[in-house]
Amino acid sequence: MSSEADDRLAIRDVMALYARFVDEKAFDRFRALFDETLEVTGFGAEPLVGPDAWLELVEGTLAHYGSTQHMLGVVLAEVDGDMARARTDLQAIHVHLPPKTGLFTLWGTYHTEMARRDAGWRIVRHRLDVTHIDGI
């Protein structure tokens, strides 16, 4: 059994990999961060259920940008047995593809619930609360 400190570090790693895999467009590795029971809110009017629905939205959205950088703040993680909650502030910069020019920048907070699985911590619920958007 891992210690709470080990779990908190592993949860921080999941969030760091989330940002890295989005920015690298490493979609197969990105998908592996999510549990099959995934529910995502805050990225549109309706919740997305399942990692395939989430991945379809992410891939479609990123197709409009040449590059992105998701910069994460401190991950505040609380562990309760095999479940955890994380709060992570972010700033995400997106470079528009032509014919658009300039940047689209989003500031917000991720609220993420994770479950311990045999393969490690996996995201089961993920919500984005947007603080500000610039450059749409």
Protein backbone atom coordinates (compact mmCIF):
# COMPACT_ATOMS: atom_id res chain seq x y z
CA MET A 1 0.00 0.00 0.00
CA SER A 2 1.32 3.43 -0.90
CA SER A 3 1.53 6.35 1.50
CA GLU A 4 -0.69 9.41 1.20
CA ALA A 5 2.36 11.41 0.08
CA ASP A 6 3.04 8.85 -2.67
CA ASP A 7 -0.60 9.03 -3.76
CA ARG A 8 -0.58 12.83 -3.85
CA LEU A 9 2.58 12.80 -5.95
CA ALA A 10 1.05 10.25 -8.34
CA ILE A 11 -2.08 12.42 -8.67
CA ARG A 12 0.07 15.45 -9.48
CA ASP A 13 1.83 13.37 -12.12
CA VAL A 14 -1.51 12.46 -13.72
CA MET A 15 -2.38 16.15 -14.02
CA ALA A 16 1.08 17.00 -15.42
CA LEU A 17 0.75 14.20 -17.97
CA TYR A 18 -2.73 15.46 -18.86
CA ALA A 19 -1.25 18.84 -19.84
CA ARG A 20 1.77 17.30 -21.56
CA PHE A 21 -0.21 14.84 -23.66
CA VAL A 22 -2.70 17.52 -24.74
CA ASP A 23 0.10 19.84 -25.83
CA GLU A 24 1.97 17.03 -27.62
CA LYS A 25 -1.29 15.80 -29.17
CA ALA A 26 -0.37 12.34 -27.85
CA PHE A 27 -3.99 11.25 -27.87
CA ASP A 28 -3.43 7.54 -27.23
CA ARG A 29 -1.41 8.34 -24.10
CA PHE A 30 -3.94 11.05 -23.12
CA ARG A 31 -6.82 8.55 -23.32
CA ALA A 32 -5.00 6.15 -20.98
CA LEU A 33 -5.33 8.70 -18.14
CA PHE A 34 -9.11 8.19 -17.99
CA ASP A 35 -11.35 5.54 -16.50
CA GLU A 36 -14.08 4.03 -18.67
CA THR A 37 -16.66 5.64 -16.35
CA LEU A 38 -15.38 9.16 -17.14
CA GLU A 39 -17.73 12.14 -16.99
CA VAL A 40 -16.51 15.56 -18.16
CA THR A 41 -18.30 18.87 -17.63
CA GLY A 42 -17.51 22.52 -18.31
CA PHE A 43 -16.32 22.07 -21.89
CA GLY A 44 -19.73 22.56 -23.49
CA ALA A 45 -23.41 22.62 -22.69
CA GLU A 46 -23.75 18.89 -22.11
CA PRO A 47 -21.64 16.49 -20.05
CA LEU A 48 -19.42 14.11 -21.97
CA VAL A 49 -19.56 10.49 -20.87
CA GLY A 50 -16.72 8.07 -21.55
CA PRO A 51 -13.15 8.64 -22.66
CA ASP A 52 -13.95 8.24 -26.37
CA ALA A 53 -16.47 11.09 -26.33
CA TRP A 54 -14.00 13.26 -24.42
CA LEU A 55 -11.14 12.41 -26.78
CA GLU A 56 -13.28 13.20 -29.82
CA LEU A 57 -13.99 16.69 -28.45
CA VAL A 58 -10.34 17.33 -27.51
CA GLU A 59 -8.99 16.18 -30.89
CA GLY A 60 -11.60 18.21 -32.78
CA THR A 61 -10.89 21.33 -30.75
CA LEU A 62 -7.11 21.08 -31.02
CA ALA A 63 -7.35 20.69 -34.81
CA HIS A 64 -7.98 24.48 -34.91
CA TYR A 65 -4.65 25.33 -33.25
CA GLY A 66 -1.05 24.99 -34.37
CA SER A 67 0.24 24.57 -30.83
CA THR A 68 -0.92 24.85 -27.26
CA GLN A 69 0.62 25.21 -23.83
CA HIS A 70 -1.34 24.18 -20.76
CA MET A 71 0.43 25.64 -17.74
CA LEU A 72 -0.76 24.18 -14.46
CA GLY A 73 -0.60 25.74 -11.04
CA VAL A 74 -0.20 23.78 -7.85
CA VAL A 75 -2.27 20.59 -7.71
CA LEU A 76 -4.10 20.45 -4.38
CA ALA A 77 -4.94 16.78 -3.87
CA GLU A 78 -7.01 15.11 -1.16
CA VAL A 79 -6.86 11.33 -0.92
CA ASP A 80 -9.55 9.19 0.68
CA GLY A 81 -8.62 5.54 0.28
CA ASP A 82 -8.93 4.61 -3.38
CA MET A 83 -10.57 7.92 -4.34
CA ALA A 84 -9.06 11.38 -4.66
CA ARG A 85 -9.99 14.93 -5.57
CA ALA A 86 -7.65 17.46 -7.12
CA ARG A 87 -7.97 21.20 -7.71
CA THR A 88 -5.64 22.61 -10.34
CA ASP A 89 -5.46 26.17 -11.66
CA LEU A 90 -4.45 26.55 -15.29
CA GLN A 91 -3.63 28.94 -18.04
CA ALA A 92 -3.95 27.47 -21.52
CA ILE A 93 -2.51 29.30 -24.52
CA HIS A 94 -3.60 28.25 -28.01
CA VAL A 95 -2.01 29.52 -31.25
CA HIS A 96 -4.65 29.94 -33.98
CA LEU A 97 -4.10 28.29 -37.35
CA PRO A 98 -4.50 30.49 -40.47
CA PRO A 99 -6.59 32.19 -41.61
CA LYS A 100 -7.01 33.28 -37.99
CA THR A 101 -4.05 34.83 -36.26
CA GLY A 102 -3.05 35.45 -32.69
CA LEU A 103 -3.66 33.61 -29.47
CA PHE A 104 -6.64 32.21 -27.62
CA THR A 105 -5.96 32.14 -23.90
CA LEU A 106 -8.07 30.56 -21.19
CA TRP A 107 -7.69 30.86 -17.43
CA GLY A 108 -9.56 28.49 -15.18
CA THR A 109 -9.59 25.71 -12.65
CA TYR A 110 -9.80 21.97 -13.13
CA HIS A 111 -11.73 20.01 -10.52
CA THR A 112 -10.78 16.38 -11.00
CA GLU A 113 -11.83 13.20 -9.25
CA MET A 114 -9.65 10.13 -9.58
CA ALA A 115 -9.93 6.47 -8.64
CA ARG A 116 -7.10 4.09 -7.89
CA ARG A 117 -7.10 1.26 -10.42
CA ASP A 118 -4.70 -1.65 -10.98
CA ALA A 119 -2.80 0.51 -13.50
CA GLY A 120 -2.66 3.53 -11.15
CA TRP A 121 -4.76 6.65 -10.64
CA ARG A 122 -7.33 7.29 -13.37
CA ILE A 123 -9.58 10.31 -13.91
CA VAL A 124 -13.27 9.51 -13.36
CA ARG A 125 -14.74 13.04 -13.25
CA HIS A 126 -13.26 16.20 -14.69
CA ARG A 127 -14.70 19.71 -14.66
CA LEU A 128 -13.39 22.99 -15.98
CA ASP A 129 -14.49 26.24 -14.34
CA VAL A 130 -13.51 29.09 -16.66
CA THR A 131 -12.26 32.28 -15.01
CA HIS A 132 -11.49 34.31 -18.14
CA ILE A 133 -11.10 33.93 -21.91
CA ASP A 134 -9.18 36.21 -24.26
CA GLY A 135 -8.63 36.17 -28.01
CA ILE A 136 -11.51 34.08 -29.31
